[in-house]
Amino acid sequence: MDIPEHVTFHKTGPNAVESSAGFTVSRVGRFELEYVEKGDRLLIEVEAGDDLAVYLSPVVVWTTATGPKTLSAEDRSRVASHLHAALGFLGQAHTIL
């Protein structure tokens, strides 16, 4: 799923962004990104190099207020698209794996 053209972003910190589509992406540690959508959260391992390696493929569950929820293939595709757009907005070269 691609990000609609009317979606806007604004920085909420040096390594954090919020979108008008209702998701946030934040670097929460040297090796971790946090993605939040509708109150559900993913912690995603990252590794710096020539570009940021974002290890989305090992992530299998959302952390939700009611407990873990399986990350569907549709969710994974949407999250990858959102991460790509948000990291691009931040000017961060990246590869989503």
C-alpha atoms as a PDB file:
ATOM      1  CA  MET A   1       0.000   0.000   0.000  1.00  0.00           C
ATOM      2  CA  ASP A   2       1.395   3.374  -0.966  1.00  0.00           C
ATOM      3  CA  ILE A   3       1.074   6.506   1.128  1.00  0.00           C
ATOM      4  CA  PRO A   4      -1.591   8.843  -0.322  1.00  0.00           C
ATOM      5  CA  GLU A   5      -0.154  12.089  -1.683  1.00  0.00           C
ATOM      6  CA  HIS A   6      -2.074  14.206   0.837  1.00  0.00           C
ATOM      7  CA  VAL A   7      -0.325  12.624   3.845  1.00  0.00           C
ATOM      8  CA  THR A   8       2.011  15.039   5.579  1.00  0.00           C
ATOM      9  CA  PHE A   9       4.772  14.512   8.127  1.00  0.00           C
ATOM     10  CA  HIS A  10       6.283  16.591  10.879  1.00  0.00           C
ATOM     11  CA  LYS A  11       9.297  15.959  13.046  1.00  0.00           C
ATOM     12  CA  THR A  12       8.588  15.411  16.719  1.00  0.00           C
ATOM     13  CA  GLY A  13      12.256  14.920  17.626  1.00  0.00           C
ATOM     14  CA  PRO A  14      15.656  14.485  15.962  1.00  0.00           C
ATOM     15  CA  ASN A  15      14.814  10.894  14.944  1.00  0.00           C
ATOM     16  CA  ALA A  16      11.040  10.906  15.220  1.00  0.00           C
ATOM     17  CA  VAL A  17       8.187  11.690  12.871  1.00  0.00           C
ATOM     18  CA  GLU A  18       4.404  11.798  13.049  1.00  0.00           C
ATOM     19  CA  SER A  19       2.180  11.473   9.995  1.00  0.00           C
ATOM     20  CA  SER A  20      -1.226  12.942   9.283  1.00  0.00           C
ATOM     21  CA  ALA A  21      -2.267   9.338   8.501  1.00  0.00           C
ATOM     22  CA  GLY A  22      -2.052   8.507  12.214  1.00  0.00           C
ATOM     23  CA  PHE A  23       1.241   6.654  12.641  1.00  0.00           C
ATOM     24  CA  THR A  24       4.532   7.581  14.265  1.00  0.00           C
ATOM     25  CA  VAL A  25       8.075   6.331  13.769  1.00  0.00           C
ATOM     26  CA  SER A  26      10.744   6.988  16.402  1.00  0.00           C
ATOM     27  CA  ARG A  27      14.296   5.850  16.960  1.00  0.00           C
ATOM     28  CA  VAL A  28      14.076   4.640  20.564  1.00  0.00           C
ATOM     29  CA  GLY A  29      17.561   3.262  20.931  1.00  0.00           C
ATOM     30  CA  ARG A  30      20.715   2.642  19.016  1.00  0.00           C
ATOM     31  CA  PHE A  31      19.312  -0.574  17.562  1.00  0.00           C
ATOM     32  CA  GLU A  32      15.545  -0.064  17.629  1.00  0.00           C
ATOM     33  CA  LEU A  33      12.703   1.803  15.925  1.00  0.00           C
ATOM     34  CA  GLU A  34       9.238   2.112  17.397  1.00  0.00           C
ATOM     35  CA  TYR A  35       6.281   2.178  15.018  1.00  0.00           C
ATOM     36  CA  VAL A  36       2.895   3.123  16.509  1.00  0.00           C
ATOM     37  CA  GLU A  37      -0.434   2.964  14.700  1.00  0.00           C
ATOM     38  CA  LYS A  38      -3.838   3.374  16.395  1.00  0.00           C
ATOM     39  CA  GLY A  39      -2.204   2.708  19.766  1.00  0.00           C
ATOM     40  CA  ASP A  40      -0.652  -0.587  18.613  1.00  0.00           C
ATOM     41  CA  ARG A  41       3.139  -0.778  18.725  1.00  0.00           C
ATOM     42  CA  LEU A  42       5.944  -2.586  16.933  1.00  0.00           C
ATOM     43  CA  LEU A  43       9.575  -2.570  18.050  1.00  0.00           C
ATOM     44  CA  ILE A  44      11.792  -3.098  15.023  1.00  0.00           C
ATOM     45  CA  GLU A  45      15.488  -3.911  15.134  1.00  0.00           C
ATOM     46  CA  VAL A  46      17.752  -1.660  13.066  1.00  0.00           C
ATOM     47  CA  GLU A  47      21.437  -1.576  12.274  1.00  0.00           C
ATOM     48  CA  ALA A  48      23.374   1.466  11.082  1.00  0.00           C
ATOM     49  CA  GLY A  49      25.769   1.243   8.158  1.00  0.00           C
ATOM     50  CA  ASP A  50      25.941   3.023   4.802  1.00  0.00           C
ATOM     51  CA  ASP A  51      22.195   3.065   5.196  1.00  0.00           C
ATOM     52  CA  LEU A  52      19.901   1.982   8.016  1.00  0.00           C
ATOM     53  CA  ALA A  53      19.010  -1.720   7.826  1.00  0.00           C
ATOM     54  CA  VAL A  54      15.431  -2.092   9.113  1.00  0.00           C
ATOM     55  CA  TYR A  55      14.646  -5.703  10.078  1.00  0.00           C
ATOM     56  CA  LEU A  56      10.874  -5.828   9.654  1.00  0.00           C
ATOM     57  CA  SER A  57      10.675  -9.466   8.510  1.00  0.00           C
ATOM     58  CA  PRO A  58      11.379 -10.989  11.979  1.00  0.00           C
ATOM     59  CA  VAL A  59       8.568  -8.935  13.572  1.00  0.00           C
ATOM     60  CA  VAL A  60       5.484 -11.143  13.973  1.00  0.00           C
ATOM     61  CA  VAL A  61       3.266  -9.490  16.615  1.00  0.00           C
ATOM     62  CA  TRP A  62       1.884  -6.112  17.555  1.00  0.00           C
ATOM     63  CA  THR A  63       1.951  -5.021  21.180  1.00  0.00           C
ATOM     64  CA  THR A  64      -1.594  -3.844  21.924  1.00  0.00           C
ATOM     65  CA  ALA A  65      -3.514  -2.723  24.996  1.00  0.00           C
ATOM     66  CA  THR A  66      -5.299  -6.095  25.023  1.00  0.00           C
ATOM     67  CA  GLY A  67      -2.190  -8.238  24.438  1.00  0.00           C
ATOM     68  CA  PRO A  68      -0.205  -9.499  21.451  1.00  0.00           C
ATOM     69  CA  LYS A  69      -1.840  -9.491  18.010  1.00  0.00           C
ATOM     70  CA  THR A  70      -0.444 -11.250  14.929  1.00  0.00           C
ATOM     71  CA  LEU A  71       1.091  -8.992  12.293  1.00  0.00           C
ATOM     72  CA  SER A  72      -0.683  -9.963   9.043  1.00  0.00           C
ATOM     73  CA  ALA A  73       0.872  -9.847   5.576  1.00  0.00           C
ATOM     74  CA  GLU A  74      -1.322  -6.820   4.831  1.00  0.00           C
ATOM     75  CA  ASP A  75      -0.120  -5.121   8.026  1.00  0.00           C
ATOM     76  CA  ARG A  76       3.511  -5.870   7.136  1.00  0.00           C
ATOM     77  CA  SER A  77       3.114  -4.342   3.672  1.00  0.00           C
ATOM     78  CA  ARG A  78       1.442  -1.210   5.067  1.00  0.00           C
ATOM     79  CA  VAL A  79       4.054  -0.812   7.819  1.00  0.00           C
ATOM     80  CA  ALA A  80       6.894  -1.213   5.294  1.00  0.00           C
ATOM     81  CA  SER A  81       5.352   1.497   3.122  1.00  0.00           C
ATOM     82  CA  HIS A  82       4.890   3.786   6.125  1.00  0.00           C
ATOM     83  CA  LEU A  83       8.455   3.192   7.340  1.00  0.00           C
ATOM     84  CA  HIS A  84       9.827   3.918   3.871  1.00  0.00           C
ATOM     85  CA  ALA A  85       7.911   7.211   3.653  1.00  0.00           C
ATOM     86  CA  ALA A  86       8.746   8.324   7.209  1.00  0.00           C
ATOM     87  CA  LEU A  87      12.445   7.502   6.977  1.00  0.00           C
ATOM     88  CA  GLY A  88      12.584   9.195   3.576  1.00  0.00           C
ATOM     89  CA  PHE A  89      11.017  12.312   5.113  1.00  0.00           C
ATOM     90  CA  LEU A  90      13.730  12.262   7.785  1.00  0.00           C
ATOM     91  CA  GLY A  91      16.381  12.003   5.070  1.00  0.00           C
ATOM     92  CA  GLN A  92      17.517   8.615   6.385  1.00  0.00           C
ATOM     93  CA  ALA A  93      18.841   6.252   3.711  1.00  0.00           C
ATOM     94  CA  HIS A  94      17.484   2.801   4.519  1.00  0.00           C
ATOM     95  CA  THR A  95      16.799  -0.735   3.396  1.00  0.00           C
ATOM     96  CA  ILE A  96      13.775  -2.590   4.739  1.00  0.00           C
ATOM     97  CA  LEU A  97      14.511  -6.286   5.168  1.00  0.00           C
END
